[in-house]
Amino acid sequence: MSDAIHEYLSEIGRRGGRVSRRHLSSEDARRMVRVREARRAYRRFHAQCFWSSPPDLSIGEEDIPWICEGLRRHGGRRAWETAAKLCP
């Protein structure tokens, strides 16, 4: 690879790395993780706890208490433990 191409690609990489970095507060990052874990729990326990809801339901932060309630009411021990992590 020629030096000019190498320098060009290096500059693009540096610029892209600086531009694409997000700055999240700790609170925002924790909320994103909770939503991701709630979505995972919904998919994992859908047949057992959420069978009356569509499998491709879009889960948001406002749905987390509902998911915890469903896990505790209709799930077994693993579902209960997952709910305990989601809604302390």
PDB file of N, CA and C in Angstrom:
ATOM      1  N   MET A   1       0.859  -1.163   0.000  1.00  0.00           N
ATOM      2  CA  MET A   1       0.000   0.000   0.000  1.00  0.00           C
ATOM      3  C   MET A   1       0.906   1.227   0.000  1.00  0.00           C
ATOM      4  N   SER A   2       0.561   2.181  -0.833  1.00  0.00           N
ATOM      5  CA  SER A   2       1.403   3.368  -0.928  1.00  0.00           C
ATOM      6  C   SER A   2       1.215   4.238   0.313  1.00  0.00           C
ATOM      7  N   ASP A   3       2.200   5.106   0.543  1.00  0.00           N
ATOM      8  CA  ASP A   3       2.163   5.983   1.717  1.00  0.00           C
ATOM      9  C   ASP A   3       0.986   6.946   1.661  1.00  0.00           C
ATOM     10  N   ALA A   4       0.643   7.439   0.474  1.00  0.00           N
ATOM     11  CA  ALA A   4      -0.456   8.396   0.358  1.00  0.00           C
ATOM     12  C   ALA A   4      -1.785   7.746   0.745  1.00  0.00           C
ATOM     13  N   ILE A   5      -1.988   6.524   0.302  1.00  0.00           N
ATOM     14  CA  ILE A   5      -3.228   5.823   0.632  1.00  0.00           C
ATOM     15  C   ILE A   5      -3.280   5.521   2.127  1.00  0.00           C
ATOM     16  N   HIS A   6      -2.151   5.096   2.658  1.00  0.00           N
ATOM     17  CA  HIS A   6      -2.080   4.787   4.084  1.00  0.00           C
ATOM     18  C   HIS A   6      -2.385   6.031   4.926  1.00  0.00           C
ATOM     19  N   GLU A   7      -1.831   7.156   4.576  1.00  0.00           N
ATOM     20  CA  GLU A   7      -2.086   8.402   5.304  1.00  0.00           C
ATOM     21  C   GLU A   7      -3.565   8.813   5.187  1.00  0.00           C
ATOM     22  N   TYR A   8      -4.111   8.670   3.992  1.00  0.00           N
ATOM     23  CA  TYR A   8      -5.518   9.031   3.765  1.00  0.00           C
ATOM     24  C   TYR A   8      -6.437   8.176   4.631  1.00  0.00           C
ATOM     25  N   LEU A   9      -6.221   6.874   4.644  1.00  0.00           N
ATOM     26  CA  LEU A   9      -7.050   5.980   5.441  1.00  0.00           C
ATOM     27  C   LEU A   9      -6.862   6.228   6.939  1.00  0.00           C
ATOM     28  N   SER A  10      -5.659   6.553   7.343  1.00  0.00           N
ATOM     29  CA  SER A  10      -5.407   6.865   8.747  1.00  0.00           C
ATOM     30  C   SER A  10      -6.169   8.112   9.166  1.00  0.00           C
ATOM     31  N   GLU A  11      -6.184   9.123   8.313  1.00  0.00           N
ATOM     32  CA  GLU A  11      -6.895  10.363   8.623  1.00  0.00           C
ATOM     33  C   GLU A  11      -8.400  10.122   8.702  1.00  0.00           C
ATOM     34  N   ILE A  12      -8.927   9.337   7.798  1.00  0.00           N
ATOM     35  CA  ILE A  12     -10.356   9.021   7.830  1.00  0.00           C
ATOM     36  C   ILE A  12     -10.698   8.286   9.128  1.00  0.00           C
ATOM     37  N   GLY A  13      -9.870   7.341   9.507  1.00  0.00           N
ATOM     38  CA  GLY A  13     -10.107   6.590  10.736  1.00  0.00           C
ATOM     39  C   GLY A  13     -10.074   7.476  11.963  1.00  0.00           C
ATOM     40  N   ARG A  14      -9.110   8.381  12.022  1.00  0.00           N
ATOM     41  CA  ARG A  14      -9.026   9.296  13.166  1.00  0.00           C
ATOM     42  C   ARG A  14     -10.245  10.199  13.226  1.00  0.00           C
ATOM     43  N   ARG A  15     -10.624  10.761  12.111  1.00  0.00           N
ATOM     44  CA  ARG A  15     -11.761  11.674  12.064  1.00  0.00           C
ATOM     45  C   ARG A  15     -13.058  10.946  12.429  1.00  0.00           C
ATOM     46  N   GLY A  16     -13.241   9.755  11.890  1.00  0.00           N
ATOM     47  CA  GLY A  16     -14.444   8.989  12.188  1.00  0.00           C
ATOM     48  C   GLY A  16     -14.525   8.613  13.651  1.00  0.00           C
ATOM     49  N   GLY A  17     -13.411   8.264  14.246  1.00  0.00           N
ATOM     50  CA  GLY A  17     -13.400   7.923  15.661  1.00  0.00           C
ATOM     51  C   GLY A  17     -13.745   9.106  16.539  1.00  0.00           C
ATOM     52  N   ARG A  18     -13.310  10.281  16.176  1.00  0.00           N
ATOM     53  CA  ARG A  18     -13.614  11.475  16.980  1.00  0.00           C
ATOM     54  C   ARG A  18     -15.072  11.876  16.824  1.00  0.00           C
ATOM     55  N   VAL A  19     -15.597  11.749  15.630  1.00  0.00           N
ATOM     56  CA  VAL A  19     -16.955  12.213  15.353  1.00  0.00           C
ATOM     57  C   VAL A  19     -17.998  11.254  15.922  1.00  0.00           C
ATOM     58  N   SER A  20     -17.752   9.960  15.846  1.00  0.00           N
ATOM     59  CA  SER A  20     -18.796   8.996  16.167  1.00  0.00           C
ATOM     60  C   SER A  20     -18.896   8.663  17.653  1.00  0.00           C
ATOM     61  N   ARG A  21     -18.050   9.166  18.474  1.00  0.00           N
ATOM     62  CA  ARG A  21     -18.104   8.827  19.895  1.00  0.00           C
ATOM     63  C   ARG A  21     -19.256   9.552  20.576  1.00  0.00           C
ATOM     64  N   ARG A  22     -20.030   8.784  21.326  1.00  0.00           N
ATOM     65  CA  ARG A  22     -21.148   9.359  22.067  1.00  0.00           C
ATOM     66  C   ARG A  22     -20.689   9.631  23.487  1.00  0.00           C
ATOM     67  N   HIS A  23     -21.260  10.643  24.066  1.00  0.00           N
ATOM     68  CA  HIS A  23     -20.996  10.948  25.460  1.00  0.00           C
ATOM     69  C   HIS A  23     -22.302  10.795  26.216  1.00  0.00           C
ATOM     70  N   LEU A  24     -22.379   9.723  27.010  1.00  0.00           N
ATOM     71  CA  LEU A  24     -23.577   9.445  27.787  1.00  0.00           C
ATOM     72  C   LEU A  24     -23.281   9.667  29.261  1.00  0.00           C
ATOM     73  N   SER A  25     -24.272  10.174  29.950  1.00  0.00           N
ATOM     74  CA  SER A  25     -24.125  10.262  31.397  1.00  0.00           C
ATOM     75  C   SER A  25     -24.279   8.850  31.966  1.00  0.00           C
ATOM     76  N   SER A  26     -23.842   8.672  33.182  1.00  0.00           N
ATOM     77  CA  SER A  26     -23.959   7.354  33.820  1.00  0.00           C
ATOM     78  C   SER A  26     -25.418   6.938  33.945  1.00  0.00           C
ATOM     79  N   GLU A  27     -26.269   7.891  34.249  1.00  0.00           N
ATOM     80  CA  GLU A  27     -27.692   7.596  34.398  1.00  0.00           C
ATOM     81  C   GLU A  27     -28.310   7.142  33.072  1.00  0.00           C
ATOM     82  N   ASP A  28     -27.975   7.824  31.986  1.00  0.00           N
ATOM     83  CA  ASP A  28     -28.500   7.432  30.671  1.00  0.00           C
ATOM     84  C   ASP A  28     -28.007   6.045  30.282  1.00  0.00           C
ATOM     85  N   ALA A  29     -26.748   5.758  30.565  1.00  0.00           N
ATOM     86  CA  ALA A  29     -26.194   4.441  30.239  1.00  0.00           C
ATOM     87  C   ALA A  29     -26.905   3.349  31.029  1.00  0.00           C
ATOM     88  N   ARG A  30     -27.177   3.584  32.322  1.00  0.00           N
ATOM     89  CA  ARG A  30     -27.891   2.600  33.137  1.00  0.00           C
ATOM     90  C   ARG A  30     -29.304   2.367  32.623  1.00  0.00           C
ATOM     91  N   ARG A  31     -29.972   3.439  32.218  1.00  0.00           N
ATOM     92  CA  ARG A  31     -31.325   3.294  31.673  1.00  0.00           C
ATOM     93  C   ARG A  31     -31.305   2.483  30.389  1.00  0.00           C
ATOM     94  N   MET A  32     -30.331   2.717  29.537  1.00  0.00           N
ATOM     95  CA  MET A  32     -30.227   1.950  28.288  1.00  0.00           C
ATOM     96  C   MET A  32     -30.010   0.474  28.579  1.00  0.00           C
ATOM     97  N   VAL A  33     -29.193   0.169  29.573  1.00  0.00           N
ATOM     98  CA  VAL A  33     -28.937  -1.222  29.934  1.00  0.00           C
ATOM     99  C   VAL A  33     -30.209  -1.875  30.471  1.00  0.00           C
ATOM    100  N   ARG A  34     -30.971  -1.152  31.309  1.00  0.00           N
ATOM    101  CA  ARG A  34     -32.223  -1.705  31.835  1.00  0.00           C
ATOM    102  C   ARG A  34     -33.206  -2.022  30.710  1.00  0.00           C
ATOM    103  N   VAL A  35     -33.313  -1.136  29.739  1.00  0.00           N
ATOM    104  CA  VAL A  35     -34.225  -1.376  28.617  1.00  0.00           C
ATOM    105  C   VAL A  35     -33.755  -2.586  27.813  1.00  0.00           C
ATOM    106  N   ARG A  36     -32.462  -2.673  27.575  1.00  0.00           N
ATOM    107  CA  ARG A  36     -31.925  -3.817  26.831  1.00  0.00           C
ATOM    108  C   ARG A  36     -32.188  -5.121  27.581  1.00  0.00           C
ATOM    109  N   GLU A  37     -31.998  -5.124  28.896  1.00  0.00           N
ATOM    110  CA  GLU A  37     -32.254  -6.324  29.690  1.00  0.00           C
ATOM    111  C   GLU A  37     -33.747  -6.663  29.726  1.00  0.00           C
ATOM    112  N   ALA A  38     -34.603  -5.646  29.761  1.00  0.00           N
ATOM    113  CA  ALA A  38     -36.050  -5.885  29.730  1.00  0.00           C
ATOM    114  C   ALA A  38     -36.454  -6.515  28.401  1.00  0.00           C
ATOM    115  N   ARG A  39     -35.897  -6.033  27.312  1.00  0.00           N
ATOM    116  CA  ARG A  39     -36.191  -6.614  25.996  1.00  0.00           C
ATOM    117  C   ARG A  39     -35.737  -8.067  25.933  1.00  0.00           C
ATOM    118  N   ARG A  40     -34.582  -8.328  26.485  1.00  0.00           N
ATOM    119  CA  ARG A  40     -34.050  -9.694  26.499  1.00  0.00           C
ATOM    120  C   ARG A  40     -34.955 -10.602  27.343  1.00  0.00           C
ATOM    121  N   ALA A  41     -35.391 -10.111  28.502  1.00  0.00           N
ATOM    122  CA  ALA A  41     -36.269 -10.905  29.365  1.00  0.00           C
ATOM    123  C   ALA A  41     -37.611 -11.161  28.687  1.00  0.00           C
ATOM    124  N   TYR A  42     -38.138 -10.167  27.997  1.00  0.00           N
ATOM    125  CA  TYR A  42     -39.409 -10.336  27.284  1.00  0.00           C
ATOM    126  C   TYR A  42     -39.294 -11.447  26.243  1.00  0.00           C
ATOM    127  N   ARG A  43     -38.222 -11.409  25.466  1.00  0.00           N
ATOM    128  CA  ARG A  43     -38.027 -12.451  24.447  1.00  0.00           C
ATOM    129  C   ARG A  43     -37.816 -13.820  25.087  1.00  0.00           C
ATOM    130  N   ARG A  44     -37.016 -13.858  26.148  1.00  0.00           N
ATOM    131  CA  ARG A  44     -36.674 -15.138  26.769  1.00  0.00           C
ATOM    132  C   ARG A  44     -37.893 -15.803  27.418  1.00  0.00           C
ATOM    133  N   PHE A  45     -38.722 -15.012  28.086  1.00  0.00           N
ATOM    134  CA  PHE A  45     -39.852 -15.561  28.827  1.00  0.00           C
ATOM    135  C   PHE A  45     -41.187 -15.308  28.137  1.00  0.00           C
ATOM    136  N   HIS A  46     -41.169 -15.021  26.854  1.00  0.00           N
ATOM    137  CA  HIS A  46     -42.404 -14.699  26.145  1.00  0.00           C
ATOM    138  C   HIS A  46     -43.422 -15.829  26.222  1.00  0.00           C
ATOM    139  N   ALA A  47     -43.029 -17.043  25.921  1.00  0.00           N
ATOM    140  CA  ALA A  47     -43.970 -18.165  25.895  1.00  0.00           C
ATOM    141  C   ALA A  47     -44.552 -18.449  27.271  1.00  0.00           C
ATOM    142  N   GLN A  48     -43.795 -18.190  28.310  1.00  0.00           N
ATOM    143  CA  GLN A  48     -44.240 -18.510  29.661  1.00  0.00           C
ATOM    144  C   GLN A  48     -45.046 -17.371  30.300  1.00  0.00           C
ATOM    145  N   CYS A  49     -44.608 -16.128  30.080  1.00  0.00           N
ATOM    146  CA  CYS A  49     -45.187 -15.005  30.826  1.00  0.00           C
ATOM    147  C   CYS A  49     -45.972 -14.005  29.973  1.00  0.00           C
ATOM    148  N   PHE A  50     -45.610 -13.877  28.724  1.00  0.00           N
ATOM    149  CA  PHE A  50     -46.188 -12.814  27.899  1.00  0.00           C
ATOM    150  C   PHE A  50     -46.834 -13.349  26.633  1.00  0.00           C
ATOM    151  N   TRP A  51     -47.366 -14.564  26.699  1.00  0.00           N
ATOM    152  CA  TRP A  51     -47.906 -15.228  25.512  1.00  0.00           C
ATOM    153  C   TRP A  51     -49.073 -14.476  24.891  1.00  0.00           C
ATOM    154  N   SER A  52     -49.786 -13.655  25.664  1.00  0.00           N
ATOM    155  CA  SER A  52     -50.939 -12.947  25.109  1.00  0.00           C
ATOM    156  C   SER A  52     -50.544 -11.666  24.372  1.00  0.00           C
ATOM    157  N   SER A  53     -49.284 -11.310  24.425  1.00  0.00           N
ATOM    158  CA  SER A  53     -48.773 -10.117  23.730  1.00  0.00           C
ATOM    159  C   SER A  53     -48.002 -10.545  22.497  1.00  0.00           C
ATOM    160  N   PRO A  54     -47.913  -9.665  21.505  1.00  0.00           N
ATOM    161  CA  PRO A  54     -47.181 -10.044  20.291  1.00  0.00           C
ATOM    162  C   PRO A  54     -45.691 -10.269  20.575  1.00  0.00           C
ATOM    163  N   PRO A  55     -45.094 -11.251  19.931  1.00  0.00           N
ATOM    164  CA  PRO A  55     -43.684 -11.549  20.188  1.00  0.00           C
ATOM    165  C   PRO A  55     -42.740 -10.422  19.771  1.00  0.00           C
ATOM    166  N   ASP A  56     -43.152  -9.597  18.825  1.00  0.00           N
ATOM    167  CA  ASP A  56     -42.277  -8.526  18.343  1.00  0.00           C
ATOM    168  C   ASP A  56     -42.657  -7.164  18.929  1.00  0.00           C
ATOM    169  N   LEU A  57     -43.248  -7.162  20.118  1.00  0.00           N
ATOM    170  CA  LEU A  57     -43.652  -5.932  20.782  1.00  0.00           C
ATOM    171  C   LEU A  57     -42.428  -5.046  21.042  1.00  0.00           C
ATOM    172  N   SER A  58     -42.568  -3.774  20.781  1.00  0.00           N
ATOM    173  CA  SER A  58     -41.478  -2.827  21.016  1.00  0.00           C
ATOM    174  C   SER A  58     -41.475  -2.443  22.493  1.00  0.00           C
ATOM    175  N   ILE A  59     -40.398  -2.780  23.191  1.00  0.00           N
ATOM    176  CA  ILE A  59     -40.285  -2.543  24.625  1.00  0.00           C
ATOM    177  C   ILE A  59     -39.507  -1.259  24.864  1.00  0.00           C
ATOM    178  N   GLY A  60     -40.075  -0.399  25.687  1.00  0.00           N
ATOM    179  CA  GLY A  60     -39.417   0.848  26.064  1.00  0.00           C
ATOM    180  C   GLY A  60     -39.260   0.930  27.569  1.00  0.00           C
ATOM    181  N   GLU A  61     -38.698   2.036  28.018  1.00  0.00           N
ATOM    182  CA  GLU A  61     -38.455   2.211  29.446  1.00  0.00           C
ATOM    183  C   GLU A  61     -39.750   2.180  30.251  1.00  0.00           C
ATOM    184  N   GLU A  62     -40.826   2.694  29.678  1.00  0.00           N
ATOM    185  CA  GLU A  62     -42.102   2.732  30.386  1.00  0.00           C
ATOM    186  C   GLU A  62     -42.718   1.347  30.559  1.00  0.00           C
ATOM    187  N   ASP A  63     -42.220   0.333  29.832  1.00  0.00           N
ATOM    188  CA  ASP A  63     -42.747  -1.029  29.915  1.00  0.00           C
ATOM    189  C   ASP A  63     -42.051  -1.889  30.964  1.00  0.00           C
ATOM    190  N   ILE A  64     -40.989  -1.405  31.548  1.00  0.00           N
ATOM    191  CA  ILE A  64     -40.204  -2.215  32.483  1.00  0.00           C
ATOM    192  C   ILE A  64     -41.031  -2.663  33.690  1.00  0.00           C
ATOM    193  N   PRO A  65     -41.822  -1.788  34.339  1.00  0.00           N
ATOM    194  CA  PRO A  65     -42.636  -2.282  35.468  1.00  0.00           C
ATOM    195  C   PRO A  65     -43.627  -3.382  35.051  1.00  0.00           C
ATOM    196  N   TRP A  66     -44.222  -3.265  33.872  1.00  0.00           N
ATOM    197  CA  TRP A  66     -45.141  -4.286  33.372  1.00  0.00           C
ATOM    198  C   TRP A  66     -44.413  -5.615  33.155  1.00  0.00           C
ATOM    199  N   ILE A  67     -43.211  -5.551  32.626  1.00  0.00           N
ATOM    200  CA  ILE A  67     -42.428  -6.767  32.396  1.00  0.00           C
ATOM    201  C   ILE A  67     -42.072  -7.415  33.727  1.00  0.00           C
ATOM    202  N   CYS A  68     -41.665  -6.612  34.699  1.00  0.00           N
ATOM    203  CA  CYS A  68     -41.338  -7.155  36.024  1.00  0.00           C
ATOM    204  C   CYS A  68     -42.553  -7.827  36.652  1.00  0.00           C
ATOM    205  N   GLU A  69     -43.711  -7.197  36.536  1.00  0.00           N
ATOM    206  CA  GLU A  69     -44.939  -7.768  37.081  1.00  0.00           C
ATOM    207  C   GLU A  69     -45.269  -9.107  36.419  1.00  0.00           C
ATOM    208  N   GLY A  70     -45.155  -9.159  35.086  1.00  0.00           N
ATOM    209  CA  GLY A  70     -45.424 -10.408  34.371  1.00  0.00           C
ATOM    210  C   GLY A  70     -44.447 -11.504  34.737  1.00  0.00           C
ATOM    211  N   LEU A  71     -43.180 -11.149  34.899  1.00  0.00           N
ATOM    212  CA  LEU A  71     -42.179 -12.141  35.281  1.00  0.00           C
ATOM    213  C   LEU A  71     -42.467 -12.694  36.668  1.00  0.00           C
ATOM    214  N   ARG A  72     -42.841 -11.826  37.593  1.00  0.00           N
ATOM    215  CA  ARG A  72     -43.111 -12.270  38.964  1.00  0.00           C
ATOM    216  C   ARG A  72     -44.408 -13.054  39.069  1.00  0.00           C
ATOM    217  N   ARG A  73     -45.401 -12.670  38.308  1.00  0.00           N
ATOM    218  CA  ARG A  73     -46.719 -13.308  38.415  1.00  0.00           C
ATOM    219  C   ARG A  73     -46.764 -14.666  37.706  1.00  0.00           C
ATOM    220  N   HIS A  74     -46.174 -14.754  36.528  1.00  0.00           N
ATOM    221  CA  HIS A  74     -46.347 -15.959  35.712  1.00  0.00           C
ATOM    222  C   HIS A  74     -45.090 -16.790  35.542  1.00  0.00           C
ATOM    223  N   GLY A  75     -43.961 -16.300  35.977  1.00  0.00           N
ATOM    224  CA  GLY A  75     -42.710 -17.007  35.741  1.00  0.00           C
ATOM    225  C   GLY A  75     -42.282 -17.871  36.907  1.00  0.00           C
ATOM    226  N   GLY A  76     -41.275 -18.648  36.655  1.00  0.00           N
ATOM    227  CA  GLY A  76     -40.689 -19.483  37.690  1.00  0.00           C
ATOM    228  C   GLY A  76     -39.570 -18.737  38.407  1.00  0.00           C
ATOM    229  N   ARG A  77     -38.694 -19.506  38.979  1.00  0.00           N
ATOM    230  CA  ARG A  77     -37.604 -18.916  39.769  1.00  0.00           C
ATOM    231  C   ARG A  77     -36.688 -18.026  38.935  1.00  0.00           C
ATOM    232  N   ARG A  78     -36.306 -18.478  37.759  1.00  0.00           N
ATOM    233  CA  ARG A  78     -35.410 -17.675  36.907  1.00  0.00           C
ATOM    234  C   ARG A  78     -36.066 -16.376  36.484  1.00  0.00           C
ATOM    235  N   ALA A  79     -37.345 -16.422  36.178  1.00  0.00           N
ATOM    236  CA  ALA A  79     -38.068 -15.204  35.809  1.00  0.00           C
ATOM    237  C   ALA A  79     -38.132 -14.259  37.005  1.00  0.00           C
ATOM    238  N   TRP A  80     -38.364 -14.801  38.185  1.00  0.00           N
ATOM    239  CA  TRP A  80     -38.423 -13.987  39.398  1.00  0.00           C
ATOM    240  C   TRP A  80     -37.066 -13.314  39.649  1.00  0.00           C
ATOM    241  N   GLU A  81     -35.992 -14.055  39.479  1.00  0.00           N
ATOM    242  CA  GLU A  81     -34.654 -13.485  39.671  1.00  0.00           C
ATOM    243  C   GLU A  81     -34.362 -12.396  38.647  1.00  0.00           C
ATOM    244  N   THR A  82     -34.797 -12.606  37.418  1.00  0.00           N
ATOM    245  CA  THR A  82     -34.618 -11.581  36.385  1.00  0.00           C
ATOM    246  C   THR A  82     -35.399 -10.330  36.732  1.00  0.00           C
ATOM    247  N   ALA A  83     -36.616 -10.494  37.227  1.00  0.00           N
ATOM    248  CA  ALA A  83     -37.424  -9.348  37.647  1.00  0.00           C
ATOM    249  C   ALA A  83     -36.763  -8.602  38.799  1.00  0.00           C
ATOM    250  N   ALA A  84     -36.149  -9.324  39.696  1.00  0.00           N
ATOM    251  CA  ALA A  84     -35.475  -8.695  40.831  1.00  0.00           C
ATOM    252  C   ALA A  84     -34.300  -7.835  40.363  1.00  0.00           C
ATOM    253  N   LYS A  85     -33.629  -8.252  39.313  1.00  0.00           N
ATOM    254  CA  LYS A  85     -32.523  -7.447  38.773  1.00  0.00           C
ATOM    255  C   LYS A  85     -33.036  -6.229  38.025  1.00  0.00           C
ATOM    256  N   LEU A  86     -34.169  -6.390  37.334  1.00  0.00           N
ATOM    257  CA  LEU A  86     -34.726  -5.265  36.571  1.00  0.00           C
ATOM    258  C   LEU A  86     -35.366  -4.207  37.450  1.00  0.00           C
ATOM    259  N   CYS A  87     -36.124  -4.653  38.433  1.00  0.00           N
ATOM    260  CA  CYS A  87     -36.871  -3.735  39.310  1.00  0.00           C
ATOM    261  C   CYS A  87     -36.496  -4.012  40.752  1.00  0.00           C
ATOM    262  N   PRO A  88     -35.432  -3.437  41.203  1.00  0.00           N
ATOM    263  CA  PRO A  88     -35.002  -3.698  42.600  1.00  0.00           C
ATOM    264  C   PRO A  88     -35.964  -3.125  43.626  1.00  0.00           C
TER     265      PRO A  88
END
